[in-house]
C-alpha atoms as a PDB file:
ATOM      1  CA  MET A   1     109.504 -96.563 -74.564  1.00  0.00           C
ATOM      2  CA  GLY A   2     111.369 -96.631 -77.862  1.00  0.00           C
ATOM      3  CA  LEU A   3     111.448 -99.129 -80.745  1.00  0.00           C
ATOM      4  CA  TYR A   4     114.491 -99.270 -82.984  1.00  0.00           C
ATOM      5  CA  VAL A   5     114.727-101.585 -85.987  1.00  0.00           C
ATOM      6  CA  LEU A   6     117.836-103.105 -87.548  1.00  0.00           C
ATOM      7  CA  ALA A   7     117.669-104.584 -91.027  1.00  0.00           C
ATOM      8  CA  ALA A   8     119.594-105.143 -94.240  1.00  0.00           C
ATOM      9  CA  ALA A   9     118.830-105.006 -97.913  1.00  0.00           C
ATOM     10  CA  LYS A  10     120.563-108.131 -99.101  1.00  0.00           C
ATOM     11  CA  GLY A  11     123.359-110.546 -98.279  1.00  0.00           C
ATOM     12  CA  SER A  12     124.740-111.243 -94.850  1.00  0.00           C
ATOM     13  CA  PRO A  13     126.088-108.015 -93.329  1.00  0.00           C
ATOM     14  CA  GLY A  14     125.732-109.360 -89.778  1.00  0.00           C
ATOM     15  CA  VAL A  15     122.432-107.852 -88.623  1.00  0.00           C
ATOM     16  CA  THR A  16     122.033-110.198 -85.657  1.00  0.00           C
ATOM     17  CA  THR A  17     125.595-109.732 -84.421  1.00  0.00           C
ATOM     18  CA  SER A  18     125.241-105.968 -84.832  1.00  0.00           C
ATOM     19  CA  ALA A  19     121.927-106.050 -82.925  1.00  0.00           C
ATOM     20  CA  VAL A  20     123.547-107.954 -80.030  1.00  0.00           C
ATOM     21  CA  VAL A  21     126.453-105.517 -79.928  1.00  0.00           C
ATOM     22  CA  LEU A  22     124.168-102.482 -79.901  1.00  0.00           C
ATOM     23  CA  SER A  23     121.959-104.003 -77.233  1.00  0.00           C
ATOM     24  CA  GLY A  24     125.085-104.576 -75.078  1.00  0.00           C
ATOM     25  CA  ILE A  25     126.042-100.887 -75.138  1.00  0.00           C
ATOM     26  CA  TRP A  26     122.514 -99.415 -75.149  1.00  0.00           C
ATOM     27  CA  PRO A  27     121.570 -97.278 -72.103  1.00  0.00           C
ATOM     28  CA  GLY A  28     119.230 -98.833 -69.552  1.00  0.00           C
ATOM     29  CA  GLU A  29     118.007-102.376 -69.954  1.00  0.00           C
ATOM     30  CA  PRO A  30     116.950-102.849 -73.608  1.00  0.00           C
ATOM     31  CA  ILE A  31     115.176-105.926 -74.972  1.00  0.00           C
ATOM     32  CA  LEU A  32     116.443-107.544 -78.163  1.00  0.00           C
ATOM     33  CA  ALA A  33     113.597-108.905 -80.329  1.00  0.00           C
ATOM     34  CA  ASP A  34     114.462-111.439 -83.046  1.00  0.00           C
ATOM     35  CA  LEU A  35     111.937-110.750 -85.808  1.00  0.00           C
ATOM     36  CA  ASP A  36     113.806-112.132 -88.839  1.00  0.00           C
ATOM     37  CA  PRO A  37     111.038-113.714 -90.965  1.00  0.00           C
ATOM     38  CA  ALA A  38     113.571-116.090 -92.548  1.00  0.00           C
ATOM     39  CA  GLY A  39     114.276-117.699 -89.123  1.00  0.00           C
ATOM     40  CA  GLY A  40     116.045-116.191 -86.191  1.00  0.00           C
ATOM     41  CA  ASP A  41     119.558-116.968 -84.862  1.00  0.00           C
ATOM     42  CA  ILE A  42     119.291-115.825 -81.254  1.00  0.00           C
ATOM     43  CA  ALA A  43     117.831-119.122 -79.930  1.00  0.00           C
ATOM     44  CA  LEU A  44     120.423-121.077 -81.888  1.00  0.00           C
ATOM     45  CA  ARG A  45     123.470-119.132 -80.752  1.00  0.00           C
ATOM     46  CA  TYR A  46     122.899-118.397 -77.126  1.00  0.00           C
ATOM     47  CA  ARG A  47     122.043-120.103 -73.811  1.00  0.00           C
ATOM     48  CA  ASP A  48     120.251-118.831 -70.732  1.00  0.00           C
ATOM     49  CA  THR A  49     122.001-117.757 -67.551  1.00  0.00           C
ATOM     50  CA  SER A  50     122.133-121.382 -66.419  1.00  0.00           C
ATOM     51  CA  GLY A  51     123.876-122.469 -69.573  1.00  0.00           C
ATOM     52  CA  VAL A  52     120.902-124.455 -70.939  1.00  0.00           C
ATOM     53  CA  PRO A  53     119.219-123.845 -74.385  1.00  0.00           C
ATOM     54  CA  LEU A  54     116.522-121.185 -74.538  1.00  0.00           C
ATOM     55  CA  ASP A  55     112.915-122.346 -74.388  1.00  0.00           C
ATOM     56  CA  PRO A  56     111.694-122.581 -78.004  1.00  0.00           C
ATOM     57  CA  ASN A  57     108.048-122.162 -76.846  1.00  0.00           C
ATOM     58  CA  ARG A  58     108.614-118.806 -75.268  1.00  0.00           C
ATOM     59  CA  GLY A  59     109.252-115.827 -77.571  1.00  0.00           C
ATOM     60  CA  LEU A  60     107.725-114.303 -80.658  1.00  0.00           C
ATOM     61  CA  LEU A  61     105.339-117.209 -81.245  1.00  0.00           C
ATOM     62  CA  SER A  62     104.017-117.203 -77.656  1.00  0.00           C
ATOM     63  CA  LEU A  63     103.608-113.387 -77.838  1.00  0.00           C
ATOM     64  CA  GLY A  64     101.711-113.765 -81.121  1.00  0.00           C
ATOM     65  CA  ALA A  65      99.501-116.453 -79.571  1.00  0.00           C
ATOM     66  CA  ALA A  66      98.677-114.121 -76.626  1.00  0.00           C
ATOM     67  CA  VAL A  67      97.795-111.343 -79.070  1.00  0.00           C
ATOM     68  CA  ARG A  68      95.529-113.642 -81.076  1.00  0.00           C
ATOM     69  CA  ARG A  69      93.732-114.786 -77.905  1.00  0.00           C
ATOM     70  CA  GLY A  70      92.918-111.150 -77.300  1.00  0.00           C
ATOM     71  CA  ALA A  71      94.532-110.998 -73.871  1.00  0.00           C
ATOM     72  CA  ALA A  72      93.451-107.814 -72.098  1.00  0.00           C
ATOM     73  CA  GLU A  73      97.002-106.624 -71.583  1.00  0.00           C
ATOM     74  CA  VAL A  74      99.822-108.395 -73.398  1.00  0.00           C
ATOM     75  CA  GLN A  75     103.064-108.039 -71.423  1.00  0.00           C
ATOM     76  CA  LEU A  76     106.221-108.406 -73.474  1.00  0.00           C
ATOM     77  CA  SER A  77     108.108-109.290 -70.287  1.00  0.00           C
ATOM     78  CA  ASP A  78     106.089-112.540 -70.063  1.00  0.00           C
ATOM     79  CA  HIS A  79     107.687-113.764 -73.298  1.00  0.00           C
ATOM     80  CA  VAL A  80     111.357-112.762 -73.036  1.00  0.00           C
ATOM     81  CA  GLN A  81     114.265-114.806 -71.767  1.00  0.00           C
ATOM     82  CA  GLN A  82     117.611-113.767 -70.286  1.00  0.00           C
ATOM     83  CA  ILE A  83     120.795-114.970 -71.934  1.00  0.00           C
ATOM     84  CA  SER A  84     124.215-115.286 -70.446  1.00  0.00           C
ATOM     85  CA  GLY A  85     125.491-111.790 -69.830  1.00  0.00           C
ATOM     86  CA  GLY A  86     122.110-110.483 -68.684  1.00  0.00           C
ATOM     87  CA  LEU A  87     120.519-109.339 -72.009  1.00  0.00           C
ATOM     88  CA  GLU A  88     116.802-110.113 -72.309  1.00  0.00           C
ATOM     89  CA  VAL A  89     115.692-111.432 -75.647  1.00  0.00           C
ATOM     90  CA  LEU A  90     112.483-112.254 -77.480  1.00  0.00           C
ATOM     91  CA  THR A  91     113.421-115.329 -79.505  1.00  0.00           C
ATOM     92  CA  GLY A  92     112.152-115.601 -83.034  1.00  0.00           C
ATOM     93  CA  VAL A  93     110.766-118.206 -85.382  1.00  0.00           C
ATOM     94  CA  THR A  94     112.861-121.215 -86.407  1.00  0.00           C
ATOM     95  CA  SER A  95     111.492-121.378 -89.951  1.00  0.00           C
ATOM     96  CA  PRO A  96     109.708-119.114 -92.500  1.00  0.00           C
ATOM     97  CA  ASP A  97     106.602-121.335 -92.233  1.00  0.00           C
ATOM     98  CA  GLN A  98     106.064-120.211 -88.676  1.00  0.00           C
ATOM     99  CA  VAL A  99     105.861-116.585 -89.765  1.00  0.00           C
ATOM    100  CA  GLN A 100     102.671-117.304 -91.681  1.00  0.00           C
ATOM    101  CA  GLY A 101     101.045-118.461 -88.441  1.00  0.00           C
ATOM    102  CA  LEU A 102     101.390-114.968 -86.995  1.00  0.00           C
ATOM    103  CA  GLY A 103      99.059-113.762 -89.786  1.00  0.00           C
ATOM    104  CA  SER A 104      97.568-110.313 -89.151  1.00  0.00           C
ATOM    105  CA  THR A 105      98.961-109.942 -85.632  1.00  0.00           C
ATOM    106  CA  TRP A 106     102.026-107.925 -86.722  1.00  0.00           C
ATOM    107  CA  GLN A 107     100.327-104.582 -86.161  1.00  0.00           C
ATOM    108  CA  HIS A 108      99.461-105.564 -82.559  1.00  0.00           C
ATOM    109  CA  LEU A 109     102.952-107.054 -82.063  1.00  0.00           C
ATOM    110  CA  ALA A 110     104.465-103.744 -83.100  1.00  0.00           C
ATOM    111  CA  LYS A 111     102.341-101.943 -80.515  1.00  0.00           C
ATOM    112  CA  SER A 112     103.488-104.339 -77.804  1.00  0.00           C
ATOM    113  CA  LEU A 113     107.131-103.826 -78.781  1.00  0.00           C
ATOM    114  CA  ARG A 114     106.867-100.086 -78.569  1.00  0.00           C
ATOM    115  CA  SER A 115     104.942 -99.867 -75.296  1.00  0.00           C
ATOM    116  CA  VAL A 116     107.288-101.523 -72.802  1.00  0.00           C
ATOM    117  CA  PRO A 117     107.407 -99.178 -69.797  1.00  0.00           C
ATOM    118  CA  GLY A 118     110.835 -97.634 -69.223  1.00  0.00           C
ATOM    119  CA  ARG A 119     112.627 -99.847 -71.741  1.00  0.00           C
ATOM    120  CA  ASP A 120     113.702 -99.639 -75.368  1.00  0.00           C
ATOM    121  CA  VAL A 121     113.307-102.532 -77.778  1.00  0.00           C
ATOM    122  CA  LEU A 122     115.865-103.243 -80.552  1.00  0.00           C
ATOM    123  CA  ALA A 123     114.257-105.368 -83.264  1.00  0.00           C
ATOM    124  CA  ASP A 124     116.350-107.546 -85.606  1.00  0.00           C
ATOM    125  CA  CYS A 125     114.239-107.762 -88.791  1.00  0.00           C
ATOM    126  CA  GLY A 126     117.013-109.431 -90.846  1.00  0.00           C
ATOM    127  CA  ARG A 127     116.925-109.113 -94.615  1.00  0.00           C
ATOM    128  CA  LEU A 128     114.198-106.671 -95.677  1.00  0.00           C
ATOM    129  CA  ALA A 129     112.108-106.159 -98.797  1.00  0.00           C
ATOM    130  CA  PRO A 130     109.104-103.908 -99.503  1.00  0.00           C
ATOM    131  CA  GLY A 131     105.989-105.768 -98.486  1.00  0.00           C
ATOM    132  CA  ALA A 132     107.771-107.779 -95.788  1.00  0.00           C
ATOM    133  CA  VAL A 133     105.512-109.097 -93.001  1.00  0.00           C
ATOM    134  CA  THR A 134     107.535-107.016 -90.523  1.00  0.00           C
ATOM    135  CA  MET A 135     106.582-103.708 -92.191  1.00  0.00           C
ATOM    136  CA  PRO A 136     104.175-102.697 -89.426  1.00  0.00           C
ATOM    137  CA  VAL A 137     107.096-102.896 -87.033  1.00  0.00           C
ATOM    138  CA  LEU A 138     109.158-100.559 -89.187  1.00  0.00           C
ATOM    139  CA  GLN A 139     106.250 -98.153 -89.532  1.00  0.00           C
ATOM    140  CA  SER A 140     105.908 -98.112 -85.724  1.00  0.00           C
ATOM    141  CA  ALA A 141     109.626 -97.639 -85.048  1.00  0.00           C
ATOM    142  CA  ASP A 142     111.273 -94.510 -83.668  1.00  0.00           C
ATOM    143  CA  ALA A 143     114.095 -95.065 -86.119  1.00  0.00           C
ATOM    144  CA  VAL A 144     115.384 -97.704 -88.516  1.00  0.00           C
ATOM    145  CA  LEU A 145     119.059 -98.676 -89.014  1.00  0.00           C
ATOM    146  CA  MET A 146     119.969-100.220 -92.326  1.00  0.00           C
ATOM    147  CA  LEU A 147     123.228-102.203 -92.394  1.00  0.00           C
ATOM    148  CA  ALA A 148     125.220-102.593 -95.599  1.00  0.00           C
ATOM    149  CA  ARG A 149     128.656-103.383 -96.875  1.00  0.00           C
ATOM    150  CA  PRO A 150     130.042-100.640 -99.198  1.00  0.00           C
ATOM    151  CA  THR A 151     130.307-102.827-102.236  1.00  0.00           C
ATOM    152  CA  LEU A 152     128.771-101.925-105.591  1.00  0.00           C
ATOM    153  CA  GLU A 153     126.033-104.525-105.298  1.00  0.00           C
ATOM    154  CA  GLY A 154     125.488-103.845-101.599  1.00  0.00           C
ATOM    155  CA  LEU A 155     124.970-100.140-102.116  1.00  0.00           C
ATOM    156  CA  SER A 156     122.753-100.686-105.144  1.00  0.00           C
ATOM    157  CA  HIS A 157     120.426-102.947-103.191  1.00  0.00           C
ATOM    158  CA  LEU A 158     120.473-100.512-100.254  1.00  0.00           C
ATOM    159  CA  ARG A 159     119.525 -97.561-102.494  1.00  0.00           C
ATOM    160  CA  GLU A 160     116.683 -99.423-104.141  1.00  0.00           C
ATOM    161  CA  LEU A 161     115.344-100.764-100.841  1.00  0.00           C
ATOM    162  CA  ILE A 162     115.260 -97.331 -99.285  1.00  0.00           C
ATOM    163  CA  ARG A 163     113.596 -95.981-102.420  1.00  0.00           C
ATOM    164  CA  GLY A 164     110.951 -98.684-102.065  1.00  0.00           C
ATOM    165  CA  LEU A 165     110.416 -97.897 -98.392  1.00  0.00           C
ATOM    166  CA  SER A 166     110.210 -94.103 -98.883  1.00  0.00           C
ATOM    167  CA  GLU A 167     106.437 -93.896 -99.184  1.00  0.00           C
ATOM    168  CA  MET A 168     105.724 -96.611 -96.591  1.00  0.00           C
ATOM    169  CA  LEU A 169     107.878 -94.878 -93.977  1.00  0.00           C
ATOM    170  CA  LYS A 170     106.988 -91.329 -95.123  1.00  0.00           C
ATOM    171  CA  LEU A 171     110.624 -90.414 -95.426  1.00  0.00           C
ATOM    172  CA  GLY A 172     111.137 -86.657 -95.239  1.00  0.00           C
ATOM    173  CA  GLY A 173     107.788 -85.954 -93.532  1.00  0.00           C
ATOM    174  CA  TYR A 174     107.566 -84.704 -89.965  1.00  0.00           C
ATOM    175  CA  ASP A 175     105.794 -87.928 -88.966  1.00  0.00           C
ATOM    176  CA  GLY A 176     107.971 -90.165 -91.080  1.00  0.00           C
ATOM    177  CA  VAL A 177     110.203 -92.859 -89.607  1.00  0.00           C
ATOM    178  CA  PRO A 178     113.837 -91.732 -89.882  1.00  0.00           C
ATOM    179  CA  VAL A 179     116.253 -94.144 -91.560  1.00  0.00           C
ATOM    180  CA  GLY A 180     119.984 -94.298 -90.799  1.00  0.00           C
ATOM    181  CA  VAL A 181     122.682 -96.322 -92.490  1.00  0.00           C
ATOM    182  CA  ALA A 182     125.648 -98.047 -90.866  1.00  0.00           C
ATOM    183  CA  LEU A 183     128.399 -99.295 -93.162  1.00  0.00           C
ATOM    184  CA  ILE A 184     130.253-102.452 -92.199  1.00  0.00           C
ATOM    185  CA  THR A 185     133.811-101.914 -93.266  1.00  0.00           C
ATOM    186  CA  SER A 186     137.330-101.222 -91.921  1.00  0.00           C
ATOM    187  CA  TYR A 187     137.594 -98.503 -89.280  1.00  0.00           C
ATOM    188  CA  ARG A 188     140.400 -97.039 -91.417  1.00  0.00           C
ATOM    189  CA  ASP A 189     137.919 -96.335 -94.208  1.00  0.00           C
ATOM    190  CA  ALA A 190     137.577 -92.619 -93.755  1.00  0.00           C
ATOM    191  CA  ARG A 191     135.892 -91.714 -97.070  1.00  0.00           C
ATOM    192  CA  THR A 192     133.222 -94.299 -97.571  1.00  0.00           C
ATOM    193  CA  ALA A 193     130.611 -92.767 -95.257  1.00  0.00           C
ATOM    194  CA  THR A 194     130.830 -89.401 -97.023  1.00  0.00           C
ATOM    195  CA  ASP A 195     130.740 -91.051-100.474  1.00  0.00           C
ATOM    196  CA  VAL A 196     127.677 -93.179 -99.609  1.00  0.00           C
ATOM    197  CA  GLN A 197     125.883 -90.097 -98.245  1.00  0.00           C
ATOM    198  CA  SER A 198     126.492 -88.363-101.557  1.00  0.00           C
ATOM    199  CA  ILE A 199     125.007 -91.325-103.447  1.00  0.00           C
ATOM    200  CA  LEU A 200     121.881 -91.266-101.302  1.00  0.00           C
ATOM    201  CA  ASP A 201     121.556 -87.493-101.589  1.00  0.00           C
ATOM    202  CA  GLN A 202     121.885 -87.612-105.369  1.00  0.00           C
ATOM    203  CA  ALA A 203     119.136 -90.252-105.398  1.00  0.00           C
ATOM    204  CA  GLY A 204     116.907 -87.865-103.490  1.00  0.00           C
ATOM    205  CA  LEU A 205     116.642 -90.219-100.495  1.00  0.00           C
ATOM    206  CA  ARG A 206     116.144 -88.613 -97.089  1.00  0.00           C
ATOM    207  CA  THR A 207     118.496 -90.954 -95.261  1.00  0.00           C
ATOM    208  CA  SER A 208     121.505 -90.272 -92.988  1.00  0.00           C
ATOM    209  CA  VAL A 209     124.728 -92.300 -92.996  1.00  0.00           C
ATOM    210  CA  LEU A 210     125.446 -92.605 -89.295  1.00  0.00           C
ATOM    211  CA  GLY A 211     128.956 -93.930 -89.722  1.00  0.00           C
ATOM    212  CA  ILE A 212     130.967 -97.132 -89.819  1.00  0.00           C
ATOM    213  CA  LEU A 213     130.459-100.271 -87.827  1.00  0.00           C
ATOM    214  CA  ALA A 214     134.013-101.562 -87.678  1.00  0.00           C
ATOM    215  CA  GLU A 215     134.701-104.908 -89.320  1.00  0.00           C
ATOM    216  CA  ASP A 216     136.305-106.898 -86.519  1.00  0.00           C
ATOM    217  CA  ASP A 217     136.226-110.675 -87.096  1.00  0.00           C
ATOM    218  CA  LYS A 218     137.608-111.638 -83.696  1.00  0.00           C
ATOM    219  CA  ALA A 219     135.120-109.499 -81.750  1.00  0.00           C
ATOM    220  CA  ALA A 220     132.224-110.658 -83.976  1.00  0.00           C
ATOM    221  CA  ALA A 221     133.173-114.324 -83.393  1.00  0.00           C
ATOM    222  CA  ALA A 222     133.282-113.751 -79.610  1.00  0.00           C
ATOM    223  CA  ILE A 223     129.833-112.131 -79.658  1.00  0.00           C
ATOM    224  CA  ARG A 224     128.355-114.919 -81.834  1.00  0.00           C
ATOM    225  CA  THR A 225     129.598-117.541 -79.312  1.00  0.00           C
ATOM    226  CA  GLY A 226     128.186-115.602 -76.304  1.00  0.00           C
ATOM    227  CA  ASP A 227     131.546-114.343 -74.997  1.00  0.00           C
ATOM    228  CA  GLY A 228     130.785-110.635 -75.218  1.00  0.00           C
ATOM    229  CA  ARG A 229     133.318-109.854 -72.471  1.00  0.00           C
ATOM    230  CA  ARG A 230     136.167-110.428 -74.911  1.00  0.00           C
ATOM    231  CA  ALA A 231     134.728-107.796 -77.239  1.00  0.00           C
ATOM    232  CA  ARG A 232     134.104-105.006 -74.739  1.00  0.00           C
ATOM    233  CA  GLN A 233     137.102-102.900 -75.742  1.00  0.00           C
ATOM    234  CA  SER A 234     137.026-103.942 -79.406  1.00  0.00           C
ATOM    235  CA  LEU A 235     136.776-101.628 -82.359  1.00  0.00           C
ATOM    236  CA  LEU A 236     133.426-103.229 -83.090  1.00  0.00           C
ATOM    237  CA  THR A 237     132.001-102.314 -79.740  1.00  0.00           C
ATOM    238  CA  ARG A 238     133.418 -98.860 -79.730  1.00  0.00           C
ATOM    239  CA  SER A 239     132.102 -98.055 -83.173  1.00  0.00           C
ATOM    240  CA  ALA A 240     128.697 -99.555 -82.185  1.00  0.00           C
ATOM    241  CA  ALA A 241     128.556 -97.097 -79.277  1.00  0.00           C
ATOM    242  CA  GLU A 242     128.863 -94.163 -81.716  1.00  0.00           C
ATOM    243  CA  ILE A 243     126.260 -95.626 -84.074  1.00  0.00           C
ATOM    244  CA  GLY A 244     123.904 -96.270 -81.190  1.00  0.00           C
ATOM    245  CA  GLU A 245     124.139 -92.712 -79.915  1.00  0.00           C
ATOM    246  CA  ARG A 246     123.369 -91.357 -83.402  1.00  0.00           C
ATOM    247  CA  LEU A 247     120.500 -93.772 -83.856  1.00  0.00           C
ATOM    248  CA  ARG A 248     118.945 -92.696 -80.610  1.00  0.00           C
ATOM    249  CA  ARG A 249     119.375 -89.087 -81.635  1.00  0.00           C
ATOM    250  CA  LEU A 250     117.418 -89.819 -84.864  1.00  0.00           C
ATOM    251  CA  GLY A 251     114.526 -91.195 -82.811  1.00  0.00           C
ATOM    252  CA  HIS A 252     114.623 -88.227 -80.380  1.00  0.00           C
ATOM    253  CA  ASP A 253     114.726 -85.698 -83.220  1.00  0.00           C
ATOM    254  CA  ARG A 254     111.669 -87.302 -84.754  1.00  0.00           C
ATOM    255  CA  ALA A 255     109.840 -87.091 -81.389  1.00  0.00           C
ATOM    256  CA  GLY A 256     110.812 -83.429 -81.046  1.00  0.00           C
ATOM    257  CA  ALA A 257     109.601 -82.588 -84.535  1.00  0.00           C
ATOM    258  CA  GLN A 258     106.244 -84.282 -83.877  1.00  0.00           C
ATOM    259  CA  THR A 259     105.858 -82.404 -80.625  1.00  0.00           C
ATOM    260  CA  ALA A 260     106.668 -79.075 -82.276  1.00  0.00           C
ATOM    261  CA  VAL A 261     104.135 -79.629 -85.041  1.00  0.00           C
ATOM    262  CA  ALA A 262     101.460 -80.737 -82.478  1.00  0.00           C
ATOM    263  CA  GLN A 263     102.009 -77.615 -80.366  1.00  0.00           C
ATOM    264  CA  GLY A 264     101.948 -75.388 -83.404  1.00  0.00           C
ATOM    265  CA  SER A 265      98.575 -76.817 -84.468  1.00  0.00           C
ATOM    266  CA  VAL A 266      96.904 -76.104 -81.161  1.00  0.00           C
END
C-alpha cells in the first residue's frame, strides 16, 4: 500500500521516536522500516515479544541480500520482526559502512517497501541531505514528513534542505512527492506553525506545515524504553495522531491528483 518517509535536516529532533509514535497510532498494521544510513536505533532500543534482542541478521541487510540475489518475489514480511507491543519492524544497519554494501539496490528496496499488500510502511530515514543513498525511497514515497525544531538554525537547515530536494521530488508538480513539516515544540506554542509556513511560502517552497509534535520528555522516554503504554494518553501521542492524519491526507491527495490527470488524458 502506502510508503511514508520521516526525516530531518540536521541535529537530533527525535526522528526514530516520532516514527515509533506515529506507527503506534497509524491505522491498520503498519511496518516501521529503519533506513537511517548513519546507523539505526530500533534494534538497539527494543526487544522482541519474548524479551530477547532482535536478530541482527534479519532486517534491511537481509532484504538487500534477497534483492541482490534476484529473488523472483521479495517479500518484506520475510525480513521483519515483531517488537514488544506488536509493532513489526525492519531493523536497519548498525554502522554507515554497511550502507555501502547495499550499493545500487535502493531503487528495488523502495519498490519492496511500497508494495506490501494491505499495509503501509513508515520509513525512518534519519538525517537527510541531497544525494543521500535513501533518495530513491523518498522519490517513491506517497508523502514525506520533515521534522524540525523551530530554532533559527533548525529552520534554516530545513529550508535549505527542502530547497535542495525540490527538483528531486518534483515539488509542486501533480506527480511530485508532497512534503509536510512537523515542528517539535511545546503544545502551547500556537504561533510557530503559522510563522514557519510563512517562511516556507516566502521562500517559494511548496511545503505544508502539518502542525506541532508536542515536546513531551516523559512520554518520549517511555517510548524509547519500549513502554509505549505509559504514553498512550500523552500530549505526544495525541499530537502525533493529528500529524499522522494530515500526513495520510497528503498522500491521498497526491493519489487523487494523479488519478484525475490520468483520466483527463484518456
